[in-house]
Amino acid sequence: MCLMCQGMSAREVFALMRSRILEHGFTMTFVEGEGDKNPPFAYTVGLSRWDHPEVICFNMCPECSDLTLTPIARAVIDRGDRFSAGSDLDPLYGPEEWGAEILEFPDSSTHLLDANHFYRKAGGPPVPALQVLWPRCVPLLRGHPSH
């Protein structure tokens, strides 16, 4: 459940996000889905500080979203790695037959609301974003009930 649904104000949520970004270099936002036409998704907030596109993934539980986004974020923040559409993700996830792909995300203003709140310049374009796509169901959390 979202933090505002649990009683926090928008100001408190943004303050918490800001503190996580300052402490860890980034944070994540998870959005619960509403059926097949609106699947759950999660995205990074903070990679824009590193002059890097934010990253989004769809149709995963919060734990799998974390296991998908955190390696990319840590590689950007800790090692200075740069990702773009078509980047090889095998070093992060392993060269498995289901290999993840990274694509350009065309318009971050439609989904990455928190990232745009923090990093979109007034009157400027939406923050750049990439999407991680798993071509097949990937058991990131082996034994997790959703897999």
Protein backbone atom coordinates (compact mmCIF):
# COMPACT_ATOMS: atom_id res chain seq x y z
CA MET A 1 0.00 0.00 0.00
CA CYS A 2 1.24 3.49 -0.77
CA LEU A 3 2.57 5.72 1.99
CA MET A 4 -0.10 8.38 1.47
CA CYS A 5 -2.75 5.66 1.68
CA GLN A 6 -1.21 4.84 5.07
CA GLY A 7 -1.68 8.42 6.25
CA MET A 8 1.50 10.26 5.25
CA SER A 9 1.14 13.63 3.55
CA ALA A 10 2.65 14.28 0.12
CA ARG A 11 5.20 16.54 1.81
CA GLU A 12 6.22 13.72 4.20
CA VAL A 13 6.50 11.21 1.34
CA PHE A 14 8.69 13.56 -0.71
CA ALA A 15 10.86 14.29 2.33
CA LEU A 16 11.33 10.54 2.88
CA MET A 17 12.17 10.03 -0.78
CA ARG A 18 14.65 12.90 -0.70
CA SER A 19 16.37 11.43 2.37
CA ARG A 20 16.63 8.01 0.69
CA ILE A 21 18.09 9.60 -2.44
CA LEU A 22 20.66 11.50 -0.38
CA GLU A 23 21.56 8.40 1.66
CA HIS A 24 21.55 5.72 -1.08
CA GLY A 25 21.88 7.73 -4.29
CA PHE A 26 18.40 6.71 -5.46
CA THR A 27 15.08 5.35 -4.32
CA MET A 28 12.28 3.45 -6.01
CA THR A 29 8.59 4.02 -6.47
CA PHE A 30 6.30 0.98 -6.81
CA VAL A 31 2.82 1.44 -8.25
CA GLU A 32 0.25 -1.27 -7.68
CA GLY A 33 -1.53 -2.52 -10.78
CA GLU A 34 -5.20 -2.56 -11.61
CA GLY A 35 -5.75 -5.58 -13.84
CA ASP A 36 -4.21 -6.61 -17.16
CA LYS A 37 -4.51 -3.19 -18.80
CA ASN A 38 -2.71 -1.43 -15.93
CA PRO A 39 0.00 -3.78 -14.61
CA PRO A 40 2.12 -2.92 -11.58
CA PHE A 41 5.35 -1.08 -12.25
CA ALA A 42 8.35 0.27 -10.41
CA TYR A 43 10.93 2.88 -11.28
CA THR A 44 14.03 4.57 -9.98
CA VAL A 45 14.11 8.11 -8.68
CA GLY A 46 17.53 9.67 -8.38
CA LEU A 47 19.57 8.43 -11.35
CA SER A 48 18.90 11.80 -12.96
CA ARG A 49 21.27 13.25 -10.32
CA TRP A 50 23.98 11.14 -11.96
CA ASP A 51 23.03 12.45 -15.43
CA HIS A 52 21.58 9.04 -16.28
CA PRO A 53 18.07 8.05 -17.42
CA GLU A 54 15.73 6.72 -14.75
CA VAL A 55 14.73 3.05 -15.19
CA ILE A 56 11.28 1.44 -15.11
CA CYS A 57 10.04 -2.16 -15.15
CA PHE A 58 6.52 -3.54 -15.46
CA ASN A 59 4.48 -6.46 -14.21
CA MET A 60 6.65 -7.53 -11.28
CA CYS A 61 6.08 -7.83 -7.57
CA PRO A 62 7.90 -5.27 -5.39
CA GLU A 63 10.67 -7.73 -4.51
CA CYS A 64 11.40 -8.62 -8.15
CA SER A 65 11.25 -4.96 -9.12
CA ASP A 66 13.90 -4.28 -6.48
CA LEU A 67 16.07 -7.14 -7.78
CA THR A 68 15.70 -5.76 -11.31
CA LEU A 69 16.30 -2.06 -10.68
CA THR A 70 18.85 -2.05 -7.86
CA PRO A 71 21.72 -3.67 -9.82
CA ILE A 72 21.37 -1.06 -12.56
CA ALA A 73 21.18 1.81 -10.08
CA ARG A 74 24.17 0.55 -8.08
CA ALA A 75 26.21 0.11 -11.29
CA VAL A 76 25.45 3.72 -12.26
CA ILE A 77 26.13 5.17 -8.82
CA ASP A 78 29.00 2.97 -7.62
CA ARG A 79 30.92 2.33 -10.85
CA GLY A 80 29.76 5.10 -13.17
CA ASP A 81 28.28 2.64 -15.67
CA ARG A 82 26.10 4.12 -18.40
CA PHE A 83 23.14 2.28 -19.88
CA SER A 84 21.19 2.97 -23.03
CA ALA A 85 18.82 1.07 -25.29
CA GLY A 86 20.47 -2.19 -26.25
CA SER A 87 23.05 -2.21 -23.42
CA ASP A 88 24.25 -5.66 -22.39
CA LEU A 89 22.69 -6.52 -19.03
CA ASP A 90 24.24 -10.00 -18.73
CA PRO A 91 26.98 -8.74 -16.35
CA LEU A 92 24.23 -7.65 -13.93
CA TYR A 93 21.83 -10.58 -14.15
CA GLY A 94 23.83 -13.40 -15.69
CA PRO A 95 23.84 -14.77 -19.24
CA GLU A 96 20.66 -16.78 -18.92
CA GLU A 97 18.52 -17.89 -21.85
CA TRP A 98 15.83 -15.39 -20.82
CA GLY A 99 18.23 -12.40 -20.81
CA ALA A 100 16.88 -9.00 -19.90
CA GLU A 101 16.77 -6.22 -22.46
CA ILE A 102 16.89 -2.49 -21.98
CA LEU A 103 14.80 -0.21 -24.19
CA GLU A 104 14.13 3.50 -24.45
CA PHE A 105 10.99 4.54 -22.59
CA PRO A 106 9.35 7.15 -24.82
CA ASP A 107 7.66 9.51 -22.36
CA SER A 108 8.48 9.37 -18.66
CA SER A 109 5.75 11.91 -17.84
CA THR A 110 3.13 9.17 -18.19
CA HIS A 111 4.50 6.86 -15.48
CA LEU A 112 7.57 8.27 -13.68
CA LEU A 113 5.70 10.97 -11.81
CA ASP A 114 8.00 11.13 -8.78
CA ALA A 115 11.15 11.26 -10.93
CA ASN A 116 9.69 14.12 -12.94
CA HIS A 117 8.61 15.88 -9.73
CA PHE A 118 12.19 15.85 -8.48
CA TYR A 119 14.21 16.30 -11.67
CA ARG A 120 12.19 17.77 -14.54
CA LYS A 121 13.24 21.34 -15.19
CA ALA A 122 10.38 23.88 -15.29
CA GLY A 123 9.07 24.02 -18.84
CA GLY A 124 11.54 21.34 -19.91
CA PRO A 125 11.00 17.90 -21.37
CA PRO A 126 10.28 14.87 -19.17
CA VAL A 127 13.30 13.17 -17.63
CA PRO A 128 14.87 10.52 -19.87
CA ALA A 129 13.99 6.94 -19.01
CA LEU A 130 14.80 3.36 -19.95
CA GLN A 131 12.71 0.22 -19.53
CA VAL A 132 13.99 -3.19 -18.47
CA LEU A 133 12.13 -5.93 -20.29
CA TRP A 134 12.25 -9.58 -19.39
CA PRO A 135 11.18 -11.52 -22.52
CA ARG A 136 9.97 -14.40 -20.37
CA CYS A 137 8.93 -14.83 -16.76
CA VAL A 138 12.13 -14.80 -14.77
CA PRO A 139 12.33 -16.48 -11.38
CA LEU A 140 14.37 -13.70 -9.78
CA LEU A 141 13.08 -14.77 -6.40
CA ARG A 142 13.15 -18.52 -6.66
CA GLY A 143 10.45 -19.86 -4.42
CA HIS A 144 8.64 -16.51 -4.21
CA PRO A 145 4.86 -17.18 -4.14
CA SER A 146 4.24 -15.03 -7.22
CA HIS A 147 6.54 -17.20 -9.36
